Amino acid sequence: MRTTITKLSNVFKEAVLQGVQNVIKEEQLFADNLSKNEAYKMYGRSNVDRWLKEKLVSISNTGKKGMIDRQRLEQVAACSNRFSYLMACERK
């Protein structure tokens, strides 16, 4: 019973997230791309620089030059990518 409720909860959660993404895209509430400076303001300079270094996100060389895809940036930010962090004793 509990697993059924959990599965149903996850289905509703995904449906809501997809619906929100569709509305944002259709109504053009946010730009599709962010400048590097805007990304720094939203997610922090160290995070954005690390994601760029690890090639989790990239700066576009086509279309609007120097822009980062907002959707990809949000995906990376939402994922736990702590595997690349160093412990304090390992940093130099």
C-alpha atoms as a PDB file:
ATOM      1  CA  MET A   1       0.000   0.000   0.000  1.00  0.00           C
ATOM      2  CA  ARG A   2       2.762   2.408   0.959  1.00  0.00           C
ATOM      3  CA  THR A   3       4.703   1.803  -2.274  1.00  0.00           C
ATOM      4  CA  THR A   4       1.550   2.482  -4.296  1.00  0.00           C
ATOM      5  CA  ILE A   5       1.088   5.815  -2.533  1.00  0.00           C
ATOM      6  CA  THR A   6       4.743   6.662  -3.072  1.00  0.00           C
ATOM      7  CA  LYS A   7       4.532   5.798  -6.768  1.00  0.00           C
ATOM      8  CA  LEU A   8       1.339   7.817  -7.175  1.00  0.00           C
ATOM      9  CA  SER A   9       2.926  10.739  -5.357  1.00  0.00           C
ATOM     10  CA  ASN A  10       5.912  10.626  -7.716  1.00  0.00           C
ATOM     11  CA  VAL A  11       3.612  10.545 -10.757  1.00  0.00           C
ATOM     12  CA  PHE A  12       1.760  13.644  -9.517  1.00  0.00           C
ATOM     13  CA  LYS A  13       5.023  15.405  -8.740  1.00  0.00           C
ATOM     14  CA  GLU A  14       6.390  14.754 -12.245  1.00  0.00           C
ATOM     15  CA  ALA A  15       3.097  15.862 -13.825  1.00  0.00           C
ATOM     16  CA  VAL A  16       3.158  19.138 -11.914  1.00  0.00           C
ATOM     17  CA  LEU A  17       6.798  19.796 -12.811  1.00  0.00           C
ATOM     18  CA  GLN A  18       6.136  19.060 -16.482  1.00  0.00           C
ATOM     19  CA  GLY A  19       3.073  21.310 -16.430  1.00  0.00           C
ATOM     20  CA  VAL A  20       5.048  24.163 -14.907  1.00  0.00           C
ATOM     21  CA  GLN A  21       7.783  23.749 -17.510  1.00  0.00           C
ATOM     22  CA  ASN A  22       5.195  23.796 -20.304  1.00  0.00           C
ATOM     23  CA  VAL A  23       3.560  26.989 -19.008  1.00  0.00           C
ATOM     24  CA  ILE A  24       6.909  28.725 -18.583  1.00  0.00           C
ATOM     25  CA  LYS A  25       7.923  27.786 -22.120  1.00  0.00           C
ATOM     26  CA  GLU A  26       4.576  28.637 -23.761  1.00  0.00           C
ATOM     27  CA  GLU A  27       4.191  31.961 -21.967  1.00  0.00           C
ATOM     28  CA  GLN A  28       7.908  32.754 -22.344  1.00  0.00           C
ATOM     29  CA  LEU A  29       8.173  33.766 -18.695  1.00  0.00           C
ATOM     30  CA  PHE A  30      11.936  33.275 -18.681  1.00  0.00           C
ATOM     31  CA  ALA A  31      14.593  33.606 -21.341  1.00  0.00           C
ATOM     32  CA  ASP A  32      15.906  30.343 -22.782  1.00  0.00           C
ATOM     33  CA  ASN A  33      19.484  31.405 -22.114  1.00  0.00           C
ATOM     34  CA  LEU A  34      21.340  33.152 -19.317  1.00  0.00           C
ATOM     35  CA  SER A  35      24.511  35.173 -19.424  1.00  0.00           C
ATOM     36  CA  LYS A  36      27.376  33.875 -17.325  1.00  0.00           C
ATOM     37  CA  ASN A  37      26.883  36.830 -14.991  1.00  0.00           C
ATOM     38  CA  GLU A  38      23.182  35.979 -14.490  1.00  0.00           C
ATOM     39  CA  ALA A  39      24.121  32.362 -13.790  1.00  0.00           C
ATOM     40  CA  TYR A  40      26.629  33.546 -11.178  1.00  0.00           C
ATOM     41  CA  LYS A  41      23.920  35.577  -9.450  1.00  0.00           C
ATOM     42  CA  MET A  42      21.484  32.673  -9.400  1.00  0.00           C
ATOM     43  CA  TYR A  43      23.759  29.753  -8.502  1.00  0.00           C
ATOM     44  CA  GLY A  44      26.983  31.247  -7.200  1.00  0.00           C
ATOM     45  CA  ARG A  45      30.255  31.843  -9.002  1.00  0.00           C
ATOM     46  CA  SER A  46      32.042  28.791  -7.583  1.00  0.00           C
ATOM     47  CA  ASN A  47      29.219  26.424  -8.580  1.00  0.00           C
ATOM     48  CA  VAL A  48      28.903  27.781 -12.131  1.00  0.00           C
ATOM     49  CA  ASP A  49      32.664  27.789 -12.651  1.00  0.00           C
ATOM     50  CA  ARG A  50      32.891  24.198 -11.376  1.00  0.00           C
ATOM     51  CA  TRP A  51      30.028  23.063 -13.652  1.00  0.00           C
ATOM     52  CA  LEU A  52      31.726  24.728 -16.625  1.00  0.00           C
ATOM     53  CA  LYS A  53      35.079  23.155 -15.737  1.00  0.00           C
ATOM     54  CA  GLU A  54      33.463  19.713 -15.423  1.00  0.00           C
ATOM     55  CA  LYS A  55      31.609  20.318 -18.714  1.00  0.00           C
ATOM     56  CA  LEU A  56      28.231  19.773 -17.064  1.00  0.00           C
ATOM     57  CA  VAL A  57      27.124  23.036 -18.709  1.00  0.00           C
ATOM     58  CA  SER A  58      28.725  24.953 -21.545  1.00  0.00           C
ATOM     59  CA  ILE A  59      28.780  28.439 -22.957  1.00  0.00           C
ATOM     60  CA  SER A  60      27.093  28.600 -26.341  1.00  0.00           C
ATOM     61  CA  ASN A  61      29.112  29.559 -29.385  1.00  0.00           C
ATOM     62  CA  THR A  62      26.069  29.526 -31.644  1.00  0.00           C
ATOM     63  CA  GLY A  63      23.010  31.743 -31.602  1.00  0.00           C
ATOM     64  CA  LYS A  64      23.483  34.199 -28.771  1.00  0.00           C
ATOM     65  CA  LYS A  65      27.192  33.933 -28.033  1.00  0.00           C
ATOM     66  CA  GLY A  66      28.342  33.707 -24.467  1.00  0.00           C
ATOM     67  CA  MET A  67      25.021  32.363 -23.167  1.00  0.00           C
ATOM     68  CA  ILE A  68      24.251  29.278 -21.070  1.00  0.00           C
ATOM     69  CA  ASP A  69      21.145  27.159 -21.662  1.00  0.00           C
ATOM     70  CA  ARG A  70      18.787  27.879 -18.750  1.00  0.00           C
ATOM     71  CA  GLN A  71      17.130  24.458 -18.763  1.00  0.00           C
ATOM     72  CA  ARG A  72      20.452  22.598 -18.680  1.00  0.00           C
ATOM     73  CA  LEU A  73      21.720  24.883 -15.917  1.00  0.00           C
ATOM     74  CA  GLU A  74      18.606  24.192 -13.838  1.00  0.00           C
ATOM     75  CA  GLN A  75      18.989  20.441 -14.397  1.00  0.00           C
ATOM     76  CA  VAL A  76      22.592  20.484 -13.219  1.00  0.00           C
ATOM     77  CA  ALA A  77      21.729  22.672 -10.237  1.00  0.00           C
ATOM     78  CA  ALA A  78      18.902  20.324  -9.235  1.00  0.00           C
ATOM     79  CA  CYS A  79      21.093  17.210  -9.391  1.00  0.00           C
ATOM     80  CA  SER A  80      23.382  16.244  -6.598  1.00  0.00           C
ATOM     81  CA  ASN A  81      26.820  16.586  -8.129  1.00  0.00           C
ATOM     82  CA  ARG A  82      28.727  16.591  -4.875  1.00  0.00           C
ATOM     83  CA  PHE A  83      30.952  13.752  -6.064  1.00  0.00           C
ATOM     84  CA  SER A  84      33.266  16.397  -7.477  1.00  0.00           C
ATOM     85  CA  TYR A  85      33.646  18.325  -4.219  1.00  0.00           C
ATOM     86  CA  LEU A  86      36.867  17.950  -2.329  1.00  0.00           C
ATOM     87  CA  MET A  87      36.951  17.536   1.407  1.00  0.00           C
ATOM     88  CA  ALA A  88      38.513  20.466   3.282  1.00  0.00           C
ATOM     89  CA  CYS A  89      41.639  18.441   4.037  1.00  0.00           C
ATOM     90  CA  GLU A  90      42.080  17.670   0.299  1.00  0.00           C
ATOM     91  CA  ARG A  91      41.849  21.299  -0.879  1.00  0.00           C
ATOM     92  CA  LYS A  92      45.087  23.166  -1.495  1.00  0.00           C
END
